[in-house]
PDB file of all heavy atoms in Angstrom:
ATOM      1  N   VAL A   1     116.397  98.052  95.610  1.00  0.00           N
ATOM      2  CA  VAL A   1     117.816  97.772  95.822  1.00  0.00           C
ATOM      3  C   VAL A   1     118.036  96.295  95.638  1.00  0.00           C
ATOM      4  O   VAL A   1     117.145  95.460  95.866  1.00  0.00           O
ATOM      5  CB  VAL A   1     118.245  98.231  97.262  1.00  0.00           C
ATOM      6  CG1 VAL A   1     117.522  97.457  98.314  1.00  0.00           C
ATOM      7  CG2 VAL A   1     119.751  98.141  97.432  1.00  0.00           C
ATOM      8  N   GLN A   2     119.228  95.901  95.238  1.00  0.00           N
ATOM      9  CA  GLN A   2     119.554  94.502  95.082  1.00  0.00           C
ATOM     10  C   GLN A   2     119.864  93.890  96.438  1.00  0.00           C
ATOM     11  O   GLN A   2     120.298  94.595  97.394  1.00  0.00           O
ATOM     12  CB  GLN A   2     120.766  94.318  94.170  1.00  0.00           C
ATOM     13  CG  GLN A   2     120.459  94.602  92.714  1.00  0.00           C
ATOM     14  CD  GLN A   2     121.634  94.204  91.829  1.00  0.00           C
ATOM     15  OE1 GLN A   2     122.780  94.230  92.216  1.00  0.00           O
ATOM     16  NE2 GLN A   2     121.329  93.824  90.582  1.00  0.00           N
ATOM     17  N   ALA A   3     119.647  92.587  96.542  1.00  0.00           N
ATOM     18  CA  ALA A   3     119.982  91.892  97.765  1.00  0.00           C
ATOM     19  C   ALA A   3     121.429  92.122  98.146  1.00  0.00           C
ATOM     20  O   ALA A   3     122.291  92.122  97.261  1.00  0.00           O
ATOM     21  CB  ALA A   3     119.688  90.417  97.620  1.00  0.00           C
ATOM     22  N   GLY A   4     121.679  92.373  99.412  1.00  0.00           N
ATOM     23  CA  GLY A   4     123.054  92.678  99.896  1.00  0.00           C
ATOM     24  C   GLY A   4     123.332  94.185  99.945  1.00  0.00           C
ATOM     25  O   GLY A   4     124.343  94.572 100.510  1.00  0.00           O
ATOM     26  N   GLY A   5     122.468  94.959  99.349  1.00  0.00           N
ATOM     27  CA  GLY A   5     122.653  96.409  99.334  1.00  0.00           C
ATOM     28  C   GLY A   5     122.144  97.089 100.590  1.00  0.00           C
ATOM     29  O   GLY A   5     121.722  96.438 101.551  1.00  0.00           O
ATOM     30  N   SER A   6     122.174  98.407 100.542  1.00  0.00           N
ATOM     31  CA  SER A   6     121.788  99.215 101.719  1.00  0.00           C
ATOM     32  C   SER A   6     120.831 100.327 101.329  1.00  0.00           C
ATOM     33  O   SER A   6     120.857 100.794 100.201  1.00  0.00           O
ATOM     34  CB  SER A   6     123.014  99.841 102.349  1.00  0.00           C
ATOM     35  OG  SER A   6     123.949  98.881 102.799  1.00  0.00           O
ATOM     36  N   LEU A   7     120.035 100.725 102.272  1.00  0.00           N
ATOM     37  CA  LEU A   7     119.190 101.918 102.196  1.00  0.00           C
ATOM     38  C   LEU A   7     119.129 102.580 103.536  1.00  0.00           C
ATOM     39  O   LEU A   7     119.299 101.931 104.577  1.00  0.00           O
ATOM     40  CB  LEU A   7     117.763 101.544 101.759  1.00  0.00           C
ATOM     41  CG  LEU A   7     117.493 101.159 100.320  1.00  0.00           C
ATOM     42  CD1 LEU A   7     116.014 100.699 100.176  1.00  0.00           C
ATOM     43  CD2 LEU A   7     117.712 102.347  99.367  1.00  0.00           C
ATOM     44  N   ARG A   8     118.913 103.903 103.527  1.00  0.00           N
ATOM     45  CA  ARG A   8     118.666 104.622 104.788  1.00  0.00           C
ATOM     46  C   ARG A   8     117.319 105.312 104.682  1.00  0.00           C
ATOM     47  O   ARG A   8     117.097 106.153 103.801  1.00  0.00           O
ATOM     48  CB  ARG A   8     119.776 105.629 105.074  1.00  0.00           C
ATOM     49  CG  ARG A   8     119.633 106.231 106.468  1.00  0.00           C
ATOM     50  CD  ARG A   8     120.738 107.138 106.859  1.00  0.00           C
ATOM     51  NE  ARG A   8     120.556 108.500 106.338  1.00  0.00           N
ATOM     52  CZ  ARG A   8     121.083 109.574 106.905  1.00  0.00           C
ATOM     53  NH1 ARG A   8     121.829 109.479 107.988  1.00  0.00           N
ATOM     54  NH2 ARG A   8     120.894 110.774 106.342  1.00  0.00           N
ATOM     55  N   LEU A   9     116.445 104.979 105.578  1.00  0.00           N
ATOM     56  CA  LEU A   9     115.131 105.620 105.692  1.00  0.00           C
ATOM     57  C   LEU A   9     115.224 106.782 106.651  1.00  0.00           C
ATOM     58  O   LEU A   9     115.912 106.704 107.674  1.00  0.00           O
ATOM     59  CB  LEU A   9     114.087 104.620 106.152  1.00  0.00           C
ATOM     60  CG  LEU A   9     113.936 103.329 105.340  1.00  0.00           C
ATOM     61  CD1 LEU A   9     112.773 102.516 105.893  1.00  0.00           C
ATOM     62  CD2 LEU A   9     113.730 103.626 103.854  1.00  0.00           C
ATOM     63  N   SER A  10     114.445 107.792 106.361  1.00  0.00           N
ATOM     64  CA  SER A  10     114.359 108.954 107.268  1.00  0.00           C
ATOM     65  C   SER A  10     112.897 109.186 107.642  1.00  0.00           C
ATOM     66  O   SER A  10     111.978 108.907 106.842  1.00  0.00           O
ATOM     67  CB  SER A  10     114.887 110.224 106.592  1.00  0.00           C
ATOM     68  OG  SER A  10     116.238 110.085 106.211  1.00  0.00           O
ATOM     69  N   CYS A  11     112.715 109.713 108.815  1.00  0.00           N
ATOM     70  CA  CYS A  11     111.360 110.051 109.288  1.00  0.00           C
ATOM     71  C   CYS A  11     111.447 111.408 109.958  1.00  0.00           C
ATOM     72  O   CYS A  11     112.265 111.607 110.867  1.00  0.00           O
ATOM     73  CB  CYS A  11     110.882 109.017 110.266  1.00  0.00           C
ATOM     74  SG  CYS A  11     109.352 109.442 111.135  1.00  0.00           S
ATOM     75  N   VAL A  12     110.647 112.353 109.500  1.00  0.00           N
ATOM     76  CA  VAL A  12     110.612 113.673 110.018  1.00  0.00           C
ATOM     77  C   VAL A  12     109.229 113.976 110.544  1.00  0.00           C
ATOM     78  O   VAL A  12     108.212 113.740 109.879  1.00  0.00           O
ATOM     79  CB  VAL A  12     110.985 114.725 108.955  1.00  0.00           C
ATOM     80  CG1 VAL A  12     110.907 116.137 109.534  1.00  0.00           C
ATOM     81  CG2 VAL A  12     112.371 114.451 108.389  1.00  0.00           C
ATOM     82  N   VAL A  13     109.195 114.480 111.768  1.00  0.00           N
ATOM     83  CA  VAL A  13     107.933 114.827 112.426  1.00  0.00           C
ATOM     84  C   VAL A  13     107.785 116.321 112.495  1.00  0.00           C
ATOM     85  O   VAL A  13     108.760 117.021 112.850  1.00  0.00           O
ATOM     86  CB  VAL A  13     107.879 114.232 113.835  1.00  0.00           C
ATOM     87  CG1 VAL A  13     106.531 114.546 114.517  1.00  0.00           C
ATOM     88  CG2 VAL A  13     108.125 112.750 113.827  1.00  0.00           C
ATOM     89  N   SER A  14     106.616 116.825 112.165  1.00  0.00           N
ATOM     90  CA  SER A  14     106.353 118.257 112.320  1.00  0.00           C
ATOM     91  C   SER A  14     105.030 118.414 113.065  1.00  0.00           C
ATOM     92  O   SER A  14     104.230 117.482 113.192  1.00  0.00           O
ATOM     93  CB  SER A  14     106.282 118.941 110.950  1.00  0.00           C
ATOM     94  OG  SER A  14     105.250 118.378 110.163  1.00  0.00           O
ATOM     95  N   GLY A  15     104.813 119.633 113.570  1.00  0.00           N
ATOM     96  CA  GLY A  15     103.642 119.868 114.341  1.00  0.00           C
ATOM     97  C   GLY A  15     103.953 119.689 115.829  1.00  0.00           C
ATOM     98  O   GLY A  15     105.078 119.814 116.266  1.00  0.00           O
ATOM     99  N   SER A  16     102.949 119.320 116.578  1.00  0.00           N
ATOM    100  CA  SER A  16     103.071 119.234 118.042  1.00  0.00           C
ATOM    101  C   SER A  16     102.593 117.908 118.567  1.00  0.00           C
ATOM    102  O   SER A  16     101.487 117.811 119.074  1.00  0.00           O
ATOM    103  CB  SER A  16     102.322 120.411 118.723  1.00  0.00           C
ATOM    104  OG  SER A  16     102.770 121.652 118.289  1.00  0.00           O
ATOM    105  N   PRO A  17     103.462 116.907 118.473  1.00  0.00           N
ATOM    106  CA  PRO A  17     103.041 115.584 118.973  1.00  0.00           C
ATOM    107  C   PRO A  17     103.087 115.468 120.500  1.00  0.00           C
ATOM    108  O   PRO A  17     102.727 114.431 121.051  1.00  0.00           O
ATOM    109  CB  PRO A  17     104.022 114.629 118.309  1.00  0.00           C
ATOM    110  CG  PRO A  17     105.260 115.436 118.152  1.00  0.00           C
ATOM    111  CD  PRO A  17     104.768 116.807 117.822  1.00  0.00           C
ATOM    112  N   GLY A  18     103.601 116.521 121.148  1.00  0.00           N
ATOM    113  CA  GLY A  18     103.866 116.403 122.555  1.00  0.00           C
ATOM    114  C   GLY A  18     105.263 115.807 122.762  1.00  0.00           C
ATOM    115  O   GLY A  18     106.043 115.651 121.801  1.00  0.00           O
ATOM    116  N   ARG A  19     105.545 115.522 124.009  1.00  0.00           N
ATOM    117  CA  ARG A  19     106.877 114.946 124.283  1.00  0.00           C
ATOM    118  C   ARG A  19     106.986 113.585 123.623  1.00  0.00           C
ATOM    119  O   ARG A  19     106.152 112.704 123.863  1.00  0.00           O
ATOM    120  CB  ARG A  19     107.063 114.798 125.789  1.00  0.00           C
ATOM    121  CG  ARG A  19     108.495 114.508 126.189  1.00  0.00           C
ATOM    122  CD  ARG A  19     108.549 114.449 127.742  1.00  0.00           C
ATOM    123  NE  ARG A  19     109.929 114.525 128.152  1.00  0.00           N
ATOM    124  CZ  ARG A  19     110.303 114.428 129.439  1.00  0.00           C
ATOM    125  NH1 ARG A  19     109.371 114.328 130.380  1.00  0.00           N
ATOM    126  NH2 ARG A  19     111.581 114.470 129.767  1.00  0.00           N
ATOM    127  N   ILE A  20     108.003 113.394 122.797  1.00  0.00           N
ATOM    128  CA  ILE A  20     108.166 112.133 122.062  1.00  0.00           C
ATOM    129  C   ILE A  20     108.795 111.086 122.981  1.00  0.00           C
ATOM    130  O   ILE A  20     109.921 111.244 123.427  1.00  0.00           O
ATOM    131  CB  ILE A  20     108.955 112.311 120.772  1.00  0.00           C
ATOM    132  CG1 ILE A  20     108.229 113.238 119.824  1.00  0.00           C
ATOM    133  CG2 ILE A  20     109.200 110.965 120.120  1.00  0.00           C
ATOM    134  CD1 ILE A  20     108.992 113.540 118.533  1.00  0.00           C
ATOM    135  N   ASN A  21     108.041 110.022 123.251  1.00  0.00           N
ATOM    136  CA  ASN A  21     108.528 108.974 124.122  1.00  0.00           C
ATOM    137  C   ASN A  21     109.344 107.953 123.354  1.00  0.00           C
ATOM    138  O   ASN A  21     110.278 107.351 123.890  1.00  0.00           O
ATOM    139  CB  ASN A  21     107.370 108.283 124.824  1.00  0.00           C
ATOM    140  CG  ASN A  21     106.596 109.250 125.720  1.00  0.00           C
ATOM    141  OD1 ASN A  21     107.190 109.905 126.570  1.00  0.00           O
ATOM    142  ND2 ASN A  21     105.285 109.357 125.526  1.00  0.00           N
ATOM    143  N   SER A  22     108.952 107.717 122.104  1.00  0.00           N
ATOM    144  CA  SER A  22     109.717 106.773 121.304  1.00  0.00           C
ATOM    145  C   SER A  22     109.388 106.969 119.853  1.00  0.00           C
ATOM    146  O   SER A  22     108.297 107.477 119.477  1.00  0.00           O
ATOM    147  CB  SER A  22     109.394 105.338 121.703  1.00  0.00           C
ATOM    148  OG  SER A  22     108.075 104.988 121.393  1.00  0.00           O
ATOM    149  N   PHE A  23     110.323 106.592 118.997  1.00  0.00           N
ATOM    150  CA  PHE A  23     110.140 106.465 117.566  1.00  0.00           C
ATOM    151  C   PHE A  23     110.189 104.983 117.250  1.00  0.00           C
ATOM    152  O   PHE A  23     111.031 104.244 117.808  1.00  0.00           O
ATOM    153  CB  PHE A  23     111.295 107.124 116.799  1.00  0.00           C
ATOM    154  CG  PHE A  23     111.315 108.595 116.780  1.00  0.00           C
ATOM    155  CD1 PHE A  23     112.049 109.313 117.726  1.00  0.00           C
ATOM    156  CD2 PHE A  23     110.623 109.310 115.798  1.00  0.00           C
ATOM    157  CE1 PHE A  23     112.095 110.711 117.664  1.00  0.00           C
ATOM    158  CE2 PHE A  23     110.678 110.691 115.740  1.00  0.00           C
ATOM    159  CZ  PHE A  23     111.414 111.386 116.704  1.00  0.00           C
ATOM    160  N   GLY A  24     109.401 104.554 116.291  1.00  0.00           N
ATOM    161  CA  GLY A  24     109.454 103.187 115.870  1.00  0.00           C
ATOM    162  C   GLY A  24     109.360 103.070 114.349  1.00  0.00           C
ATOM    163  O   GLY A  24     108.760 103.910 113.716  1.00  0.00           O
ATOM    164  N   TRP A  25     110.029 102.065 113.838  1.00  0.00           N
ATOM    165  CA  TRP A  25     109.855 101.679 112.419  1.00  0.00           C
ATOM    166  C   TRP A  25     109.127 100.379 112.379  1.00  0.00           C
ATOM    167  O   TRP A  25     109.542  99.391 113.042  1.00  0.00           O
ATOM    168  CB  TRP A  25     111.201 101.587 111.732  1.00  0.00           C
ATOM    169  CG  TRP A  25     111.836 102.911 111.414  1.00  0.00           C
ATOM    170  CD1 TRP A  25     112.825 103.531 112.079  1.00  0.00           C
ATOM    171  CD2 TRP A  25     111.539 103.748 110.283  1.00  0.00           C
ATOM    172  NE1 TRP A  25     113.154 104.707 111.480  1.00  0.00           N
ATOM    173  CE2 TRP A  25     112.377 104.879 110.347  1.00  0.00           C
ATOM    174  CE3 TRP A  25     110.636 103.644 109.210  1.00  0.00           C
ATOM    175  CZ2 TRP A  25     112.348 105.890 109.399  1.00  0.00           C
ATOM    176  CZ3 TRP A  25     110.623 104.658 108.299  1.00  0.00           C
ATOM    177  CH2 TRP A  25     111.450 105.764 108.370  1.00  0.00           C
ATOM    178  N   TYR A  26     108.088 100.314 111.603  1.00  0.00           N
ATOM    179  CA  TYR A  26     107.309  99.103 111.381  1.00  0.00           C
ATOM    180  C   TYR A  26     107.320  98.798 109.903  1.00  0.00           C
ATOM    181  O   TYR A  26     107.584  99.667 109.084  1.00  0.00           O
ATOM    182  CB  TYR A  26     105.880  99.279 111.877  1.00  0.00           C
ATOM    183  CG  TYR A  26     105.704  99.367 113.361  1.00  0.00           C
ATOM    184  CD1 TYR A  26     106.072 100.471 114.047  1.00  0.00           C
ATOM    185  CD2 TYR A  26     105.127  98.291 114.059  1.00  0.00           C
ATOM    186  CE1 TYR A  26     105.918 100.549 115.455  1.00  0.00           C
ATOM    187  CE2 TYR A  26     104.955  98.353 115.444  1.00  0.00           C
ATOM    188  CZ  TYR A  26     105.352  99.481 116.121  1.00  0.00           C
ATOM    189  OH  TYR A  26     105.191  99.556 117.483  1.00  0.00           O
ATOM    190  N   ARG A  27     107.030  97.546 109.563  1.00  0.00           N
ATOM    191  CA  ARG A  27     106.881  97.197 108.172  1.00  0.00           C
ATOM    192  C   ARG A  27     105.644  96.297 108.009  1.00  0.00           C
ATOM    193  O   ARG A  27     105.268  95.553 108.943  1.00  0.00           O
ATOM    194  CB  ARG A  27     108.113  96.557 107.584  1.00  0.00           C
ATOM    195  CG  ARG A  27     108.511  95.229 108.188  1.00  0.00           C
ATOM    196  CD  ARG A  27     109.871  94.797 107.660  1.00  0.00           C
ATOM    197  NE  ARG A  27     110.295  93.518 108.230  1.00  0.00           N
ATOM    198  CZ  ARG A  27     111.515  93.008 108.078  1.00  0.00           C
ATOM    199  NH1 ARG A  27     112.421  93.663 107.354  1.00  0.00           N
ATOM    200  NH2 ARG A  27     111.839  91.854 108.630  1.00  0.00           N
ATOM    201  N   GLN A  28     105.113  96.357 106.827  1.00  0.00           N
ATOM    202  CA  GLN A  28     103.901  95.600 106.575  1.00  0.00           C
ATOM    203  C   GLN A  28     104.044  94.818 105.291  1.00  0.00           C
ATOM    204  O   GLN A  28     104.224  95.368 104.203  1.00  0.00           O
ATOM    205  CB  GLN A  28     102.699  96.525 106.414  1.00  0.00           C
ATOM    206  CG  GLN A  28     101.381  95.809 106.268  1.00  0.00           C
ATOM    207  CD  GLN A  28     100.247  96.560 106.901  1.00  0.00           C
ATOM    208  OE1 GLN A  28     100.347  97.750 107.189  1.00  0.00           O
ATOM    209  NE2 GLN A  28      99.118  95.900 107.132  1.00  0.00           N
ATOM    210  N   ALA A  29     104.013  93.449 105.451  1.00  0.00           N
ATOM    211  CA  ALA A  29     104.110  92.576 104.297  1.00  0.00           C
ATOM    212  C   ALA A  29     103.897  91.125 104.686  1.00  0.00           C
ATOM    213  O   ALA A  29     104.863  90.383 104.814  1.00  0.00           O
ATOM    214  CB  ALA A  29     105.469  92.712 103.596  1.00  0.00           C
ATOM    215  N   PRO A  30     102.654  90.681 104.854  1.00  0.00           N
ATOM    216  CA  PRO A  30     101.429  91.415 104.861  1.00  0.00           C
ATOM    217  C   PRO A  30     101.037  92.019 106.232  1.00  0.00           C
ATOM    218  O   PRO A  30     100.451  93.074 106.290  1.00  0.00           O
ATOM    219  CB  PRO A  30     100.394  90.413 104.418  1.00  0.00           C
ATOM    220  CG  PRO A  30     100.911  89.135 104.975  1.00  0.00           C
ATOM    221  CD  PRO A  30     102.402  89.212 104.899  1.00  0.00           C
ATOM    222  N   GLY A  31     101.323  91.349 107.348  1.00  0.00           N
ATOM    223  CA  GLY A  31     101.004  91.881 108.656  1.00  0.00           C
ATOM    224  C   GLY A  31     101.977  92.963 109.032  1.00  0.00           C
ATOM    225  O   GLY A  31     103.067  93.076 108.473  1.00  0.00           O
ATOM    226  N   ARG A  32     101.643  93.818 110.026  1.00  0.00           N
ATOM    227  CA  ARG A  32     102.529  94.889 110.419  1.00  0.00           C
ATOM    228  C   ARG A  32     103.366  94.432 111.593  1.00  0.00           C
ATOM    229  O   ARG A  32     102.801  93.980 112.613  1.00  0.00           O
ATOM    230  CB  ARG A  32     101.730  96.148 110.772  1.00  0.00           C
ATOM    231  CG  ARG A  32     102.618  97.382 110.991  1.00  0.00           C
ATOM    232  CD  ARG A  32     101.785  98.661 111.112  1.00  0.00           C
ATOM    233  NE  ARG A  32     101.204  99.041 109.835  1.00  0.00           N
ATOM    234  CZ  ARG A  32     100.650 100.215 109.583  1.00  0.00           C
ATOM    235  NH1 ARG A  32     100.630 101.150 110.503  1.00  0.00           N
ATOM    236  NH2 ARG A  32     100.103 100.475 108.413  1.00  0.00           N
ATOM    237  N   GLU A  33     104.663  94.565 111.487  1.00  0.00           N
ATOM    238  CA  GLU A  33     105.535  94.154 112.556  1.00  0.00           C
ATOM    239  C   GLU A  33     106.532  95.248 112.942  1.00  0.00           C
ATOM    240  O   GLU A  33     106.918  96.070 112.077  1.00  0.00           O
ATOM    241  CB  GLU A  33     106.353  92.904 112.169  1.00  0.00           C
ATOM    242  CG  GLU A  33     107.338  93.095 111.032  1.00  0.00           C
ATOM    243  CD  GLU A  33     108.268  91.925 110.784  1.00  0.00           C
ATOM    244  OE1 GLU A  33     108.341  91.032 111.653  1.00  0.00           O
ATOM    245  OE2 GLU A  33     108.949  91.946 109.768  1.00  0.00           O
ATOM    246  N   LEU A  34     106.923  95.257 114.197  1.00  0.00           N
ATOM    247  CA  LEU A  34     107.910  96.222 114.652  1.00  0.00           C
ATOM    248  C   LEU A  34     109.270  95.805 114.123  1.00  0.00           C
ATOM    249  O   LEU A  34     109.691  94.654 114.286  1.00  0.00           O
ATOM    250  CB  LEU A  34     107.964  96.271 116.180  1.00  0.00           C
ATOM    251  CG  LEU A  34     109.045  97.128 116.799  1.00  0.00           C
ATOM    252  CD1 LEU A  34     108.818  98.611 116.499  1.00  0.00           C
ATOM    253  CD2 LEU A  34     109.124  96.894 118.291  1.00  0.00           C
ATOM    254  N   VAL A  35     109.990  96.721 113.531  1.00  0.00           N
ATOM    255  CA  VAL A  35     111.315  96.490 113.033  1.00  0.00           C
ATOM    256  C   VAL A  35     112.381  96.998 114.011  1.00  0.00           C
ATOM    257  O   VAL A  35     113.304  96.279 114.374  1.00  0.00           O
ATOM    258  CB  VAL A  35     111.524  97.169 111.656  1.00  0.00           C
ATOM    259  CG1 VAL A  35     112.944  96.996 111.179  1.00  0.00           C
ATOM    260  CG2 VAL A  35     110.554  96.624 110.644  1.00  0.00           C
ATOM    261  N   ALA A  36     112.174  98.219 114.475  1.00  0.00           N
ATOM    262  CA  ALA A  36     113.133  98.841 115.397  1.00  0.00           C
ATOM    263  C   ALA A  36     112.445  99.978 116.136  1.00  0.00           C
ATOM    264  O   ALA A  36     111.538 100.581 115.605  1.00  0.00           O
ATOM    265  CB  ALA A  36     114.358  99.332 114.661  1.00  0.00           C
ATOM    266  N   ARG A  37     112.939 100.237 117.362  1.00  0.00           N
ATOM    267  CA  ARG A  37     112.370 101.326 118.143  1.00  0.00           C
ATOM    268  C   ARG A  37     113.490 101.960 118.957  1.00  0.00           C
ATOM    269  O   ARG A  37     114.405 101.260 119.392  1.00  0.00           O
ATOM    270  CB  ARG A  37     111.277 100.815 119.058  1.00  0.00           C
ATOM    271  CG  ARG A  37     110.662 101.882 119.986  1.00  0.00           C
ATOM    272  CD  ARG A  37     109.349 101.411 120.588  1.00  0.00           C
ATOM    273  NE  ARG A  37     109.496 100.074 121.174  1.00  0.00           N
ATOM    274  CZ  ARG A  37     108.515  99.190 121.203  1.00  0.00           C
ATOM    275  NH1 ARG A  37     107.317  99.449 120.684  1.00  0.00           N
ATOM    276  NH2 ARG A  37     108.693  98.005 121.770  1.00  0.00           N
ATOM    277  N   ILE A  38     113.376 103.280 119.157  1.00  0.00           N
ATOM    278  CA  ILE A  38     114.336 103.981 120.002  1.00  0.00           C
ATOM    279  C   ILE A  38     113.527 104.855 120.939  1.00  0.00           C
ATOM    280  O   ILE A  38     112.600 105.561 120.522  1.00  0.00           O
ATOM    281  CB  ILE A  38     115.340 104.770 119.163  1.00  0.00           C
ATOM    282  CG1 ILE A  38     116.386 105.410 120.071  1.00  0.00           C
ATOM    283  CG2 ILE A  38     114.631 105.814 118.277  1.00  0.00           C
ATOM    284  CD1 ILE A  38     117.612 105.926 119.286  1.00  0.00           C
ATOM    285  N   THR A  39     113.866 104.790 122.213  1.00  0.00           N
ATOM    286  CA  THR A  39     113.125 105.576 123.189  1.00  0.00           C
ATOM    287  C   THR A  39     113.768 106.962 123.390  1.00  0.00           C
ATOM    288  O   THR A  39     114.852 107.250 122.850  1.00  0.00           O
ATOM    289  CB  THR A  39     113.136 104.869 124.569  1.00  0.00           C
ATOM    290  OG1 THR A  39     114.467 104.866 125.103  1.00  0.00           O
ATOM    291  CG2 THR A  39     112.660 103.439 124.430  1.00  0.00           C
ATOM    292  N   ARG A  40     113.066 107.790 124.147  1.00  0.00           N
ATOM    293  CA  ARG A  40     113.577 109.129 124.428  1.00  0.00           C
ATOM    294  C   ARG A  40     114.965 109.036 125.098  1.00  0.00           C
ATOM    295  O   ARG A  40     115.824 109.895 124.908  1.00  0.00           O
ATOM    296  CB  ARG A  40     112.588 109.879 125.311  1.00  0.00           C
ATOM    297  CG  ARG A  40     112.964 111.326 125.567  1.00  0.00           C
ATOM    298  CD  ARG A  40     111.873 112.050 126.328  1.00  0.00           C
ATOM    299  NE  ARG A  40     111.738 111.576 127.679  1.00  0.00           N
ATOM    300  CZ  ARG A  40     110.648 110.989 128.150  1.00  0.00           C
ATOM    301  NH1 ARG A  40     109.587 110.795 127.366  1.00  0.00           N
ATOM    302  NH2 ARG A  40     110.577 110.572 129.395  1.00  0.00           N
ATOM    303  N   GLY A  41     115.128 108.013 125.887  1.00  0.00           N
ATOM    304  CA  GLY A  41     116.385 107.840 126.584  1.00  0.00           C
ATOM    305  C   GLY A  41     117.475 107.194 125.753  1.00  0.00           C
ATOM    306  O   GLY A  41     118.611 106.989 126.244  1.00  0.00           O
TER     307      GLY A  41
END
């Protein structure tokens, strides 16, 4: 995408992870950093 543009990422979980306490988005370039997180609440 060009600078100034938009994208929407999706994440789908299947199987049995147990009760989901939080989802997080991380990015790596080069180290891995937390971008955003949302808790069960």
